N, C-alpha and C. Protein backbone atom coordinates (compact mmCIF):
# COMPACT_ATOMS: atom_id res chain seq x y z
N MET A 1 14.38 -8.53 130.72
CA MET A 1 15.11 -7.52 131.49
C MET A 1 16.08 -6.73 130.60
N LYS A 2 16.81 -7.51 129.77
CA LYS A 2 17.78 -6.87 128.89
C LYS A 2 17.08 -5.93 127.91
N LYS A 3 15.93 -6.39 127.43
CA LYS A 3 15.18 -5.54 126.49
C LYS A 3 14.72 -4.26 127.15
N ARG A 4 14.29 -4.35 128.40
CA ARG A 4 13.84 -3.17 129.13
C ARG A 4 14.99 -2.18 129.32
N ILE A 5 16.16 -2.69 129.66
CA ILE A 5 17.34 -1.83 129.83
C ILE A 5 17.68 -1.15 128.50
N PHE A 6 17.62 -1.96 127.43
CA PHE A 6 17.91 -1.43 126.10
C PHE A 6 16.93 -0.31 125.74
N ASP A 7 15.64 -0.51 126.04
CA ASP A 7 14.62 0.50 125.74
C ASP A 7 14.87 1.78 126.51
N ILE A 8 15.28 1.62 127.78
CA ILE A 8 15.54 2.80 128.63
C ILE A 8 16.73 3.59 128.08
N ILE A 9 17.77 2.86 127.66
CA ILE A 9 18.99 3.52 127.16
C ILE A 9 18.73 4.23 125.83
N THR A 10 17.96 3.57 124.98
CA THR A 10 17.75 4.13 123.63
C THR A 10 16.61 5.14 123.56
N PHE A 11 15.78 5.22 124.60
CA PHE A 11 14.63 6.12 124.55
C PHE A 11 15.00 7.57 124.29
N PRO A 12 16.05 8.13 124.97
CA PRO A 12 16.40 9.54 124.70
C PRO A 12 16.73 9.78 123.23
N PHE A 13 17.43 8.81 122.61
CA PHE A 13 17.80 8.96 121.20
C PHE A 13 16.56 8.92 120.31
N TYR A 14 15.67 8.00 120.67
CA TYR A 14 14.43 7.87 119.90
C TYR A 14 13.59 9.15 120.04
N PHE A 15 13.55 9.70 121.24
CA PHE A 15 12.79 10.91 121.51
C PHE A 15 13.34 12.08 120.71
N ILE A 16 14.68 12.20 120.68
CA ILE A 16 15.32 13.29 119.92
C ILE A 16 15.03 13.13 118.43
N TYR A 17 15.09 11.87 117.98
CA TYR A 17 14.80 11.61 116.56
C TYR A 17 13.38 12.04 116.21
N GLN A 18 12.43 11.73 117.09
CA GLN A 18 11.04 12.11 116.85
C GLN A 18 10.88 13.63 116.80
N LEU A 19 11.59 14.32 117.70
CA LEU A 19 11.51 15.79 117.72
C LEU A 19 12.05 16.38 116.42
N ILE A 20 13.15 15.80 115.93
CA ILE A 20 13.77 16.32 114.71
C ILE A 20 12.93 16.00 113.48
N SER A 21 12.42 14.78 113.42
CA SER A 21 11.71 14.35 112.22
C SER A 21 10.28 14.87 112.13
N PHE A 22 9.68 15.24 113.26
CA PHE A 22 8.28 15.66 113.27
C PHE A 22 7.98 16.81 112.31
N PRO A 23 8.77 17.91 112.33
CA PRO A 23 8.47 19.02 111.41
C PRO A 23 8.52 18.58 109.94
N PHE A 24 9.46 17.67 109.62
CA PHE A 24 9.58 17.20 108.23
C PHE A 24 8.38 16.36 107.84
N GLU A 25 7.88 15.57 108.79
CA GLU A 25 6.69 14.76 108.51
C GLU A 25 5.48 15.65 108.26
N ILE A 26 5.36 16.70 109.06
CA ILE A 26 4.25 17.64 108.88
C ILE A 26 4.36 18.31 107.52
N ALA A 27 5.58 18.74 107.16
CA ALA A 27 5.79 19.41 105.87
C ALA A 27 5.44 18.47 104.73
N LYS A 28 5.82 17.21 104.86
CA LYS A 28 5.52 16.22 103.81
C LYS A 28 4.01 16.03 103.65
N ILE A 29 3.31 15.97 104.78
CA ILE A 29 1.85 15.82 104.74
C ILE A 29 1.20 17.00 104.02
N ILE A 30 1.68 18.21 104.34
CA ILE A 30 1.13 19.42 103.72
C ILE A 30 1.39 19.42 102.22
N ILE A 31 2.64 19.08 101.83
CA ILE A 31 3.00 19.06 100.41
C ILE A 31 2.19 18.01 99.66
N ASP A 32 2.09 16.81 100.25
CA ASP A 32 1.33 15.74 99.61
C ASP A 32 -0.14 16.13 99.44
N ASP A 33 -0.66 16.84 100.45
CA ASP A 33 -2.05 17.27 100.39
C ASP A 33 -2.26 18.28 99.26
N LYS A 34 -1.31 19.21 99.11
CA LYS A 34 -1.41 20.22 98.06
C LYS A 34 -1.32 19.56 96.68
N ILE A 35 -0.40 18.60 96.55
CA ILE A 35 -0.25 17.90 95.27
C ILE A 35 -1.53 17.14 94.94
N GLY A 36 -2.08 16.49 95.97
CA GLY A 36 -3.31 15.73 95.78
C GLY A 36 -4.46 16.63 95.34
N LYS A 37 -4.59 17.78 95.99
CA LYS A 37 -5.65 18.71 95.65
C LYS A 37 -5.46 19.25 94.24
N ARG A 38 -4.19 19.54 93.86
CA ARG A 38 -3.93 20.05 92.52
C ARG A 38 -4.32 19.01 91.47
N ARG A 39 -3.91 17.75 91.73
CA ARG A 39 -4.25 16.69 90.78
C ARG A 39 -5.76 16.51 90.66
N TYR A 40 -6.43 16.60 91.81
CA TYR A 40 -7.89 16.47 91.80
C TYR A 40 -8.52 17.60 91.01
N ASN A 41 -8.05 18.83 91.26
CA ASN A 41 -8.61 19.98 90.57
C ASN A 41 -8.34 19.90 89.06
N ASP A 42 -7.11 19.45 88.71
CA ASP A 42 -6.76 19.32 87.30
C ASP A 42 -7.64 18.28 86.62
N SER A 43 -7.84 17.14 87.29
CA SER A 43 -8.65 16.09 86.69
C SER A 43 -10.11 16.53 86.59
N LYS A 44 -10.56 17.28 87.61
CA LYS A 44 -11.93 17.79 87.60
C LYS A 44 -12.11 18.78 86.46
N LEU A 45 -11.10 19.64 86.26
CA LEU A 45 -11.16 20.63 85.19
C LEU A 45 -11.19 19.94 83.84
N LEU A 46 -10.29 18.96 83.65
CA LEU A 46 -10.22 18.26 82.37
C LEU A 46 -11.52 17.53 82.07
N GLY A 47 -12.18 17.08 83.13
CA GLY A 47 -13.45 16.40 82.92
C GLY A 47 -14.53 17.34 82.42
N MET A 48 -14.33 18.65 82.63
CA MET A 48 -15.31 19.65 82.20
C MET A 48 -14.98 20.19 80.81
N ILE A 49 -13.81 19.84 80.27
CA ILE A 49 -13.39 20.34 78.97
C ILE A 49 -13.71 19.30 77.91
N SER A 50 -14.39 19.72 76.86
CA SER A 50 -14.73 18.79 75.78
C SER A 50 -13.51 18.53 74.91
N ASP A 51 -13.57 17.44 74.15
CA ASP A 51 -12.47 17.11 73.24
C ASP A 51 -12.23 18.23 72.25
N GLU A 52 -13.30 18.82 71.76
CA GLU A 52 -13.16 19.89 70.76
C GLU A 52 -12.49 21.11 71.36
N GLU A 53 -12.77 21.40 72.62
CA GLU A 53 -12.13 22.54 73.28
C GLU A 53 -10.64 22.30 73.44
N LEU A 54 -10.25 21.08 73.78
CA LEU A 54 -8.84 20.74 73.90
C LEU A 54 -8.13 20.91 72.56
N ILE A 55 -8.79 20.51 71.50
CA ILE A 55 -8.22 20.67 70.17
C ILE A 55 -8.10 22.15 69.82
N ASP A 56 -9.11 22.92 70.18
CA ASP A 56 -9.10 24.36 69.90
C ASP A 56 -7.93 25.05 70.58
N ILE A 57 -7.57 24.60 71.79
CA ILE A 57 -6.43 25.19 72.50
C ILE A 57 -5.17 25.07 71.66
N GLY A 58 -4.91 23.87 71.16
CA GLY A 58 -3.71 23.65 70.36
C GLY A 58 -3.71 24.44 69.07
N ILE A 59 -4.87 24.57 68.46
CA ILE A 59 -4.98 25.33 67.21
C ILE A 59 -4.68 26.81 67.47
N ILE A 60 -5.12 27.31 68.62
CA ILE A 60 -4.83 28.71 68.98
C ILE A 60 -3.34 28.88 69.25
N LEU A 61 -2.74 27.92 69.96
CA LEU A 61 -1.33 28.02 70.31
C LEU A 61 -0.42 27.86 69.10
N PHE A 62 -0.81 26.98 68.18
CA PHE A 62 0.04 26.66 67.03
C PHE A 62 -0.75 26.84 65.73
N PRO A 63 -1.10 28.07 65.39
CA PRO A 63 -1.96 28.33 64.24
C PRO A 63 -1.38 27.88 62.90
N GLY A 64 -0.07 27.73 62.83
CA GLY A 64 0.54 27.29 61.59
C GLY A 64 0.46 25.79 61.36
N PHE A 65 -0.06 25.08 62.35
CA PHE A 65 -0.13 23.62 62.27
C PHE A 65 -1.52 23.10 62.64
N LYS A 66 -2.55 23.79 62.19
CA LYS A 66 -3.92 23.45 62.59
C LYS A 66 -4.29 22.00 62.24
N LYS A 67 -4.07 21.63 60.99
CA LYS A 67 -4.45 20.30 60.54
C LYS A 67 -3.62 19.23 61.24
N ASP A 68 -2.31 19.46 61.34
CA ASP A 68 -1.42 18.50 62.00
C ASP A 68 -1.80 18.30 63.46
N PHE A 69 -2.09 19.41 64.13
CA PHE A 69 -2.43 19.28 65.55
C PHE A 69 -3.74 18.56 65.73
N ARG A 70 -4.72 18.87 64.91
CA ARG A 70 -6.03 18.22 65.03
C ARG A 70 -5.89 16.71 64.87
N THR A 71 -5.11 16.28 63.89
CA THR A 71 -4.90 14.84 63.66
C THR A 71 -4.16 14.22 64.82
N PHE A 72 -3.08 14.87 65.27
CA PHE A 72 -2.23 14.38 66.36
C PHE A 72 -3.04 14.22 67.65
N PHE A 73 -3.78 15.27 68.01
CA PHE A 73 -4.48 15.27 69.29
C PHE A 73 -5.74 14.42 69.25
N SER A 74 -6.42 14.41 68.11
CA SER A 74 -7.63 13.59 67.98
C SER A 74 -7.30 12.11 68.14
N THR A 75 -6.18 11.70 67.57
CA THR A 75 -5.76 10.30 67.71
C THR A 75 -5.48 9.98 69.16
N PHE A 76 -4.83 10.90 69.87
CA PHE A 76 -4.55 10.70 71.30
C PHE A 76 -5.84 10.55 72.09
N LEU A 77 -6.82 11.38 71.80
CA LEU A 77 -8.07 11.36 72.55
C LEU A 77 -8.91 10.11 72.27
N LYS A 78 -8.91 9.67 71.02
CA LYS A 78 -9.80 8.59 70.62
C LYS A 78 -9.17 7.19 70.72
N ASP A 79 -7.86 7.10 70.50
CA ASP A 79 -7.22 5.79 70.47
C ASP A 79 -5.76 5.92 70.90
N LYS A 80 -5.51 5.84 72.20
CA LYS A 80 -4.16 6.07 72.72
C LYS A 80 -3.17 5.01 72.23
N LYS A 81 -3.66 3.80 72.04
CA LYS A 81 -2.77 2.73 71.57
C LYS A 81 -2.26 3.05 70.17
N THR A 82 -3.16 3.49 69.32
CA THR A 82 -2.78 3.89 67.96
C THR A 82 -1.88 5.11 68.00
N PHE A 83 -2.19 6.04 68.88
CA PHE A 83 -1.38 7.26 69.04
C PHE A 83 0.06 6.90 69.37
N LEU A 84 0.26 5.99 70.32
CA LEU A 84 1.61 5.59 70.73
C LEU A 84 2.33 4.87 69.60
N THR A 85 1.60 4.07 68.85
CA THR A 85 2.21 3.32 67.75
C THR A 85 2.60 4.24 66.59
N GLU A 86 1.67 5.11 66.20
CA GLU A 86 1.92 6.00 65.07
C GLU A 86 3.03 7.01 65.35
N ASN A 87 3.20 7.37 66.61
CA ASN A 87 4.19 8.40 66.97
C ASN A 87 5.36 7.83 67.77
N GLU A 88 5.59 6.55 67.61
CA GLU A 88 6.64 5.87 68.40
C GLU A 88 8.00 6.53 68.23
N GLU A 89 8.38 6.83 67.00
CA GLU A 89 9.70 7.44 66.75
C GLU A 89 9.81 8.81 67.40
N LEU A 90 8.77 9.62 67.27
CA LEU A 90 8.76 10.95 67.88
C LEU A 90 8.83 10.85 69.40
N LEU A 91 8.03 9.97 69.98
CA LEU A 91 7.92 9.87 71.44
C LEU A 91 9.18 9.36 72.10
N GLU A 92 10.08 8.76 71.34
CA GLU A 92 11.35 8.31 71.89
C GLU A 92 12.16 9.49 72.44
N TYR A 93 11.93 10.67 71.90
CA TYR A 93 12.64 11.86 72.36
C TYR A 93 12.04 12.43 73.66
N TYR A 94 10.91 11.89 74.07
CA TYR A 94 10.22 12.39 75.25
C TYR A 94 10.07 11.29 76.30
N ASP A 95 11.19 10.65 76.60
CA ASP A 95 11.17 9.53 77.54
C ASP A 95 11.05 9.98 78.99
N ASN A 96 10.97 11.31 79.21
CA ASN A 96 10.74 11.81 80.57
C ASN A 96 9.26 11.70 80.95
N PHE A 97 8.41 11.37 79.99
CA PHE A 97 6.98 11.19 80.26
C PHE A 97 6.64 9.71 80.43
N GLU A 98 5.60 9.46 81.22
CA GLU A 98 5.04 8.12 81.28
C GLU A 98 4.04 8.01 80.14
N LEU A 99 4.48 7.42 79.05
CA LEU A 99 3.71 7.46 77.81
C LEU A 99 2.34 6.80 77.93
N ASP A 100 2.23 5.80 78.77
CA ASP A 100 0.94 5.10 78.92
C ASP A 100 -0.10 5.93 79.67
N THR A 101 0.38 6.96 80.37
CA THR A 101 -0.55 7.80 81.14
C THR A 101 -0.39 9.28 80.79
N LEU A 102 -0.13 9.55 79.54
CA LEU A 102 0.06 10.92 79.09
C LEU A 102 -1.17 11.78 79.38
N LYS A 103 -0.92 13.01 79.85
CA LYS A 103 -1.99 13.97 80.09
C LYS A 103 -2.13 14.87 78.86
N PRO A 104 -3.32 15.42 78.64
CA PRO A 104 -3.52 16.32 77.49
C PRO A 104 -2.51 17.46 77.42
N ILE A 105 -2.18 18.07 78.57
CA ILE A 105 -1.23 19.19 78.56
C ILE A 105 0.15 18.71 78.13
N GLU A 106 0.49 17.47 78.44
CA GLU A 106 1.77 16.91 78.03
C GLU A 106 1.80 16.64 76.53
N VAL A 107 0.66 16.22 76.00
CA VAL A 107 0.56 15.98 74.55
C VAL A 107 0.67 17.31 73.80
N ILE A 108 0.05 18.35 74.33
CA ILE A 108 0.16 19.68 73.74
C ILE A 108 1.62 20.12 73.74
N TYR A 109 2.31 19.86 74.86
CA TYR A 109 3.73 20.22 74.94
C TYR A 109 4.56 19.46 73.89
N ILE A 110 4.36 18.16 73.80
CA ILE A 110 5.13 17.34 72.87
C ILE A 110 4.95 17.84 71.44
N PHE A 111 3.72 18.14 71.07
CA PHE A 111 3.46 18.62 69.72
C PHE A 111 4.17 19.96 69.49
N GLY A 112 3.95 20.92 70.39
CA GLY A 112 4.54 22.25 70.23
C GLY A 112 6.05 22.22 70.22
N ASP A 113 6.62 21.41 71.10
CA ASP A 113 8.08 21.31 71.17
C ASP A 113 8.64 20.67 69.90
N SER A 114 7.97 19.63 69.40
CA SER A 114 8.45 18.94 68.20
C SER A 114 8.40 19.84 66.97
N LYS A 115 7.54 20.85 67.00
CA LYS A 115 7.43 21.79 65.89
C LYS A 115 8.30 23.03 66.10
N GLY A 116 9.02 23.06 67.22
CA GLY A 116 9.90 24.19 67.51
C GLY A 116 9.16 25.45 67.90
N LYS A 117 7.93 25.30 68.44
CA LYS A 117 7.11 26.46 68.77
C LYS A 117 6.99 26.72 70.27
N LEU A 118 7.71 25.98 71.07
CA LEU A 118 7.74 26.21 72.51
C LEU A 118 9.17 26.41 72.96
N CYS A 119 9.35 27.31 73.90
CA CYS A 119 10.68 27.55 74.48
C CYS A 119 10.67 27.06 75.93
N MET A 120 11.77 26.47 76.36
CA MET A 120 11.89 26.04 77.76
C MET A 120 13.14 26.66 78.36
N THR A 121 12.96 27.33 79.49
CA THR A 121 14.06 27.98 80.19
C THR A 121 14.11 27.49 81.62
N ASP A 122 15.26 27.05 82.06
CA ASP A 122 15.44 26.56 83.42
C ASP A 122 15.03 27.64 84.42
N TRP A 123 14.53 27.22 85.58
CA TRP A 123 14.06 28.19 86.59
C TRP A 123 15.18 29.10 87.07
N ARG A 124 16.43 28.65 86.92
CA ARG A 124 17.56 29.49 87.36
C ARG A 124 17.91 30.56 86.35
N GLY A 125 17.50 30.37 85.11
CA GLY A 125 17.79 31.38 84.10
C GLY A 125 18.34 30.79 82.81
N GLU A 126 18.76 31.66 81.92
CA GLU A 126 19.25 31.24 80.61
C GLU A 126 20.61 30.55 80.70
N GLU A 127 20.81 29.58 79.85
CA GLU A 127 22.14 28.97 79.72
C GLU A 127 23.06 29.91 78.94
N ASN A 128 22.48 30.56 77.94
CA ASN A 128 23.23 31.48 77.09
C ASN A 128 22.49 32.81 76.99
N GLU A 129 23.23 33.89 77.05
CA GLU A 129 22.62 35.21 77.01
C GLU A 129 21.81 35.41 75.73
N ARG A 130 20.64 35.98 75.89
CA ARG A 130 19.74 36.33 74.80
C ARG A 130 19.16 35.11 74.07
N GLU A 131 19.23 33.95 74.70
CA GLU A 131 18.68 32.78 74.02
C GLU A 131 17.17 32.89 73.85
N ILE A 132 16.50 33.59 74.76
CA ILE A 132 15.05 33.74 74.65
C ILE A 132 14.69 34.63 73.47
N GLU A 133 15.34 35.79 73.35
CA GLU A 133 15.07 36.67 72.22
C GLU A 133 15.36 35.98 70.89
N HIS A 134 16.45 35.22 70.85
CA HIS A 134 16.81 34.51 69.62
C HIS A 134 15.73 33.50 69.25
N PHE A 135 15.22 32.80 70.26
CA PHE A 135 14.14 31.84 69.99
C PHE A 135 12.91 32.54 69.44
N LEU A 136 12.50 33.62 70.10
CA LEU A 136 11.29 34.32 69.69
C LEU A 136 11.42 34.91 68.29
N GLU A 137 12.62 35.38 67.97
CA GLU A 137 12.84 35.96 66.64
C GLU A 137 12.93 34.88 65.56
N ASP A 138 13.74 33.85 65.84
CA ASP A 138 14.03 32.83 64.82
C ASP A 138 12.89 31.83 64.64
N LYS A 139 12.27 31.41 65.75
CA LYS A 139 11.24 30.37 65.68
C LYS A 139 9.81 30.91 65.56
N LEU A 140 9.58 32.09 66.14
CA LEU A 140 8.22 32.63 66.14
C LEU A 140 8.07 33.88 65.28
N GLY A 141 9.18 34.35 64.71
CA GLY A 141 9.12 35.50 63.81
C GLY A 141 8.79 36.81 64.49
N ILE A 142 9.12 36.94 65.78
CA ILE A 142 8.87 38.18 66.52
C ILE A 142 9.87 39.25 66.07
N LYS A 143 9.35 40.43 65.75
CA LYS A 143 10.22 41.54 65.34
C LYS A 143 9.96 42.75 66.22
N THR A 144 10.93 43.08 67.04
CA THR A 144 10.85 44.24 67.93
C THR A 144 12.27 44.66 68.30
N ASP A 145 12.42 45.84 68.88
CA ASP A 145 13.76 46.33 69.20
C ASP A 145 14.24 45.88 70.59
N TRP A 146 13.37 45.21 71.36
CA TRP A 146 13.70 44.74 72.71
C TRP A 146 14.26 45.89 73.57
N LYS A 147 13.64 47.03 73.44
CA LYS A 147 14.11 48.23 74.15
C LYS A 147 14.22 48.02 75.65
N ASN A 148 13.15 47.53 76.27
CA ASN A 148 13.15 47.35 77.72
C ASN A 148 14.04 46.19 78.16
N VAL A 149 14.06 45.14 77.35
CA VAL A 149 14.91 43.99 77.66
C VAL A 149 16.38 44.38 77.62
N ASN A 150 16.76 45.14 76.60
CA ASN A 150 18.15 45.59 76.50
C ASN A 150 18.57 46.39 77.72
N GLU A 151 17.62 47.16 78.26
CA GLU A 151 17.93 48.00 79.42
C GLU A 151 18.20 47.16 80.66
N ILE A 152 17.38 46.15 80.92
CA ILE A 152 17.59 45.38 82.15
C ILE A 152 18.76 44.40 82.01
N ARG A 153 19.16 44.12 80.79
CA ARG A 153 20.30 43.23 80.59
C ARG A 153 21.63 43.92 80.90
N LYS A 154 21.62 45.24 80.93
CA LYS A 154 22.85 45.98 81.22
C LYS A 154 23.34 45.64 82.63
N GLY A 155 24.57 45.27 82.74
CA GLY A 155 25.16 45.00 84.04
C GLY A 155 24.82 43.65 84.63
N VAL A 156 24.08 42.81 83.89
CA VAL A 156 23.76 41.47 84.38
C VAL A 156 24.91 40.55 84.03
N ASN A 157 25.60 40.06 85.05
CA ASN A 157 26.73 39.16 84.79
C ASN A 157 26.26 37.71 84.73
N GLU A 158 27.20 36.82 84.46
CA GLU A 158 26.86 35.41 84.30
C GLU A 158 26.26 34.82 85.57
N LYS A 159 26.76 35.27 86.73
CA LYS A 159 26.26 34.73 88.00
C LYS A 159 24.81 35.13 88.23
N SER A 160 24.51 36.42 88.07
CA SER A 160 23.13 36.88 88.30
C SER A 160 22.19 36.38 87.21
N GLN A 161 22.73 36.06 86.06
CA GLN A 161 21.92 35.51 84.98
C GLN A 161 21.32 34.17 85.37
N ARG A 162 21.95 33.48 86.36
CA ARG A 162 21.49 32.16 86.78
C ARG A 162 21.10 32.13 88.25
N ASP A 163 20.62 33.26 88.77
CA ASP A 163 20.30 33.31 90.20
C ASP A 163 18.84 32.96 90.52
N GLY A 164 18.05 32.69 89.48
CA GLY A 164 16.66 32.30 89.71
C GLY A 164 15.69 33.46 89.82
N GLU A 165 16.20 34.65 90.05
CA GLU A 165 15.33 35.83 90.16
C GLU A 165 15.38 36.69 88.90
N ASN A 166 16.56 36.79 88.32
CA ASN A 166 16.70 37.61 87.12
C ASN A 166 15.81 37.11 85.98
N ILE A 167 15.63 35.80 85.88
CA ILE A 167 14.84 35.25 84.78
C ILE A 167 13.38 35.70 84.85
N ILE A 168 12.84 35.84 86.05
CA ILE A 168 11.46 36.29 86.18
C ILE A 168 11.32 37.75 85.72
N SER A 169 12.27 38.59 86.14
CA SER A 169 12.26 39.98 85.68
C SER A 169 12.40 40.05 84.16
N LEU A 170 13.25 39.18 83.63
CA LEU A 170 13.47 39.17 82.18
C LEU A 170 12.20 38.78 81.43
N LEU A 171 11.54 37.73 81.89
CA LEU A 171 10.31 37.28 81.21
C LEU A 171 9.22 38.35 81.28
N LYS A 172 9.10 38.99 82.42
CA LYS A 172 8.11 40.06 82.56
C LYS A 172 8.43 41.24 81.63
N THR A 173 9.73 41.52 81.48
CA THR A 173 10.14 42.62 80.61
C THR A 173 9.96 42.27 79.14
N ILE A 174 10.19 41.01 78.80
CA ILE A 174 9.90 40.55 77.44
C ILE A 174 8.43 40.77 77.12
N ASP A 175 7.57 40.46 78.07
CA ASP A 175 6.14 40.70 77.91
C ASP A 175 5.87 42.17 77.63
N LYS A 176 6.60 43.03 78.31
CA LYS A 176 6.43 44.48 78.13
C LYS A 176 6.80 44.89 76.71
N ASP A 177 7.86 44.30 76.17
CA ASP A 177 8.28 44.63 74.81
C ASP A 177 7.37 44.01 73.76
N LEU A 178 6.57 43.02 74.16
CA LEU A 178 5.63 42.40 73.23
C LEU A 178 4.31 43.16 73.15
N GLU A 179 4.07 44.04 74.11
CA GLU A 179 2.79 44.77 74.17
C GLU A 179 2.48 45.55 72.89
N PRO A 180 3.45 46.31 72.34
CA PRO A 180 3.14 47.06 71.11
C PRO A 180 2.75 46.15 69.94
N LEU A 181 3.12 44.87 70.02
CA LEU A 181 2.78 43.91 68.97
C LEU A 181 1.45 43.22 69.25
N ASN A 182 0.82 43.61 70.37
CA ASN A 182 -0.44 43.00 70.80
C ASN A 182 -0.27 41.51 71.09
N LYS A 183 0.88 41.16 71.66
CA LYS A 183 1.18 39.76 71.95
C LYS A 183 1.62 39.60 73.40
N LYS A 184 1.53 38.35 73.90
CA LYS A 184 1.93 38.03 75.26
C LYS A 184 2.56 36.64 75.33
N LEU A 185 3.38 36.46 76.34
CA LEU A 185 3.89 35.13 76.64
C LEU A 185 2.78 34.33 77.33
N ILE A 186 2.65 33.07 76.97
CA ILE A 186 1.73 32.18 77.67
C ILE A 186 2.49 30.94 78.08
N PHE A 187 2.32 30.52 79.33
CA PHE A 187 3.09 29.42 79.91
C PHE A 187 2.21 28.20 80.10
N LEU A 188 2.77 27.03 79.83
CA LEU A 188 2.10 25.77 80.09
C LEU A 188 2.45 25.33 81.51
N TYR A 189 1.44 24.97 82.28
CA TYR A 189 1.71 24.49 83.63
C TYR A 189 2.01 22.99 83.57
N LEU A 190 3.31 22.66 83.72
CA LEU A 190 3.75 21.27 83.65
C LEU A 190 4.37 20.80 84.97
N ASP A 191 4.43 21.69 85.96
CA ASP A 191 4.97 21.34 87.27
C ASP A 191 6.43 20.89 87.16
N TRP A 192 7.20 21.59 86.33
CA TRP A 192 8.62 21.30 86.15
C TRP A 192 9.44 22.41 86.80
N ASP A 193 10.75 22.15 86.93
CA ASP A 193 11.68 23.18 87.39
C ASP A 193 12.17 23.99 86.20
N ALA A 194 11.22 24.41 85.38
CA ALA A 194 11.54 25.17 84.17
C ALA A 194 10.28 25.89 83.71
N TYR A 195 10.49 26.92 82.90
CA TYR A 195 9.38 27.66 82.31
C TYR A 195 9.23 27.20 80.87
N VAL A 196 8.00 26.83 80.49
CA VAL A 196 7.71 26.40 79.12
C VAL A 196 6.67 27.36 78.56
N TYR A 197 6.95 27.98 77.42
CA TYR A 197 6.09 29.05 76.96
C TYR A 197 6.18 29.27 75.45
N THR A 198 5.23 30.04 74.96
CA THR A 198 5.23 30.51 73.59
C THR A 198 4.60 31.89 73.59
N VAL A 199 4.36 32.44 72.40
CA VAL A 199 3.77 33.78 72.29
C VAL A 199 2.49 33.69 71.47
N ILE A 200 1.44 34.33 71.98
CA ILE A 200 0.18 34.41 71.22
C ILE A 200 -0.37 35.83 71.34
N ASP A 201 -1.39 36.14 70.55
CA ASP A 201 -1.99 37.47 70.63
C ASP A 201 -2.81 37.59 71.91
N LYS A 202 -3.08 38.81 72.31
CA LYS A 202 -3.72 39.07 73.60
C LYS A 202 -5.14 38.49 73.69
N ILE A 203 -5.88 38.54 72.61
CA ILE A 203 -7.25 37.99 72.64
C ILE A 203 -7.20 36.48 72.86
N SER A 204 -6.30 35.81 72.15
CA SER A 204 -6.15 34.36 72.32
C SER A 204 -5.67 34.03 73.73
N PHE A 205 -4.78 34.85 74.25
CA PHE A 205 -4.29 34.66 75.61
C PHE A 205 -5.44 34.69 76.60
N LYS A 206 -6.30 35.69 76.47
CA LYS A 206 -7.43 35.83 77.39
C LYS A 206 -8.41 34.66 77.23
N THR A 207 -8.63 34.25 75.99
CA THR A 207 -9.54 33.14 75.72
C THR A 207 -9.08 31.87 76.44
N ILE A 208 -7.79 31.60 76.37
CA ILE A 208 -7.26 30.38 76.97
C ILE A 208 -7.18 30.47 78.49
N THR A 209 -6.61 31.55 79.00
CA THR A 209 -6.39 31.64 80.45
C THR A 209 -7.68 31.85 81.23
N ASP A 210 -8.67 32.51 80.63
CA ASP A 210 -9.94 32.69 81.33
C ASP A 210 -10.63 31.36 81.59
N LYS A 211 -10.51 30.45 80.64
CA LYS A 211 -11.22 29.19 80.74
C LYS A 211 -10.35 28.05 81.27
N PHE A 212 -9.06 28.11 81.00
CA PHE A 212 -8.16 27.02 81.37
C PHE A 212 -6.99 27.53 82.20
N GLY A 213 -7.32 28.32 83.21
CA GLY A 213 -6.31 28.99 84.02
C GLY A 213 -5.42 28.08 84.85
N THR A 214 -5.83 26.82 85.08
CA THR A 214 -4.95 25.92 85.83
C THR A 214 -3.98 25.19 84.92
N LEU A 215 -4.15 25.35 83.62
CA LEU A 215 -3.25 24.70 82.66
C LEU A 215 -2.32 25.70 81.99
N PHE A 216 -2.75 26.96 81.91
CA PHE A 216 -1.97 27.99 81.24
C PHE A 216 -1.99 29.27 82.08
N HIS A 217 -0.92 30.03 81.99
CA HIS A 217 -0.89 31.32 82.72
C HIS A 217 0.08 32.26 82.04
N GLY A 218 0.06 33.52 82.50
CA GLY A 218 0.95 34.53 81.96
C GLY A 218 2.03 34.93 82.94
N THR A 219 2.82 35.93 82.60
CA THR A 219 3.92 36.35 83.47
C THR A 219 3.43 36.90 84.80
N GLU A 220 2.18 37.32 84.85
CA GLU A 220 1.65 37.86 86.12
C GLU A 220 1.63 36.81 87.22
N LYS A 221 1.69 35.55 86.87
CA LYS A 221 1.69 34.47 87.87
C LYS A 221 3.10 34.09 88.30
N LEU A 222 4.11 34.65 87.66
CA LEU A 222 5.50 34.33 88.03
C LEU A 222 5.89 35.12 89.27
N LYS A 223 6.39 34.43 90.27
CA LYS A 223 6.76 35.08 91.53
C LYS A 223 8.19 34.74 91.91
N LYS A 224 8.88 35.74 92.44
CA LYS A 224 10.28 35.55 92.88
C LYS A 224 10.31 34.81 94.19
């Protein structure tokens, strides 16, 4: 009897809780489904890519380190245990990864980042003004007047620099200033709250994105 009275008293609260939580449960199901499909598609894509093609991607992205990348990535593909042992000191700096289940795109990132050839910018924007141009000039040897970039930077204060929207306009404008050099920004899809990218020539960009579009993309995929 007491239990029945308790159920009657608590039912309205339980009902309200169900009404409130239901939309969140639906949203979670949708998000989980999208994540699952993405992982499935990524794994399916990787299953269609040969080891040599994966190596070729890194060689295109980091042409100054062809031999190093081939050795680094080949070891990962053929003997992960040896890969982890040989690169133990380096991998200590990348403790945000699950090293035992590293994905090829993550290995490409680790190599490029360790060589100073990848830039990472938070989704909200730059920590310091012009840090992207400085990286491209100092690390990648890009030489241009940044005419269009200088124009959109006018009047951008510290607050708008970190509003999450200005950074997309900035990256797209950087791409515009790279056009006369026949170069483009290419982004690694790592599913982070940050943009990870480097610069390659337009032919190489098309070669990679046409075939591996779920792993790499350009500024045209950036949306506010």
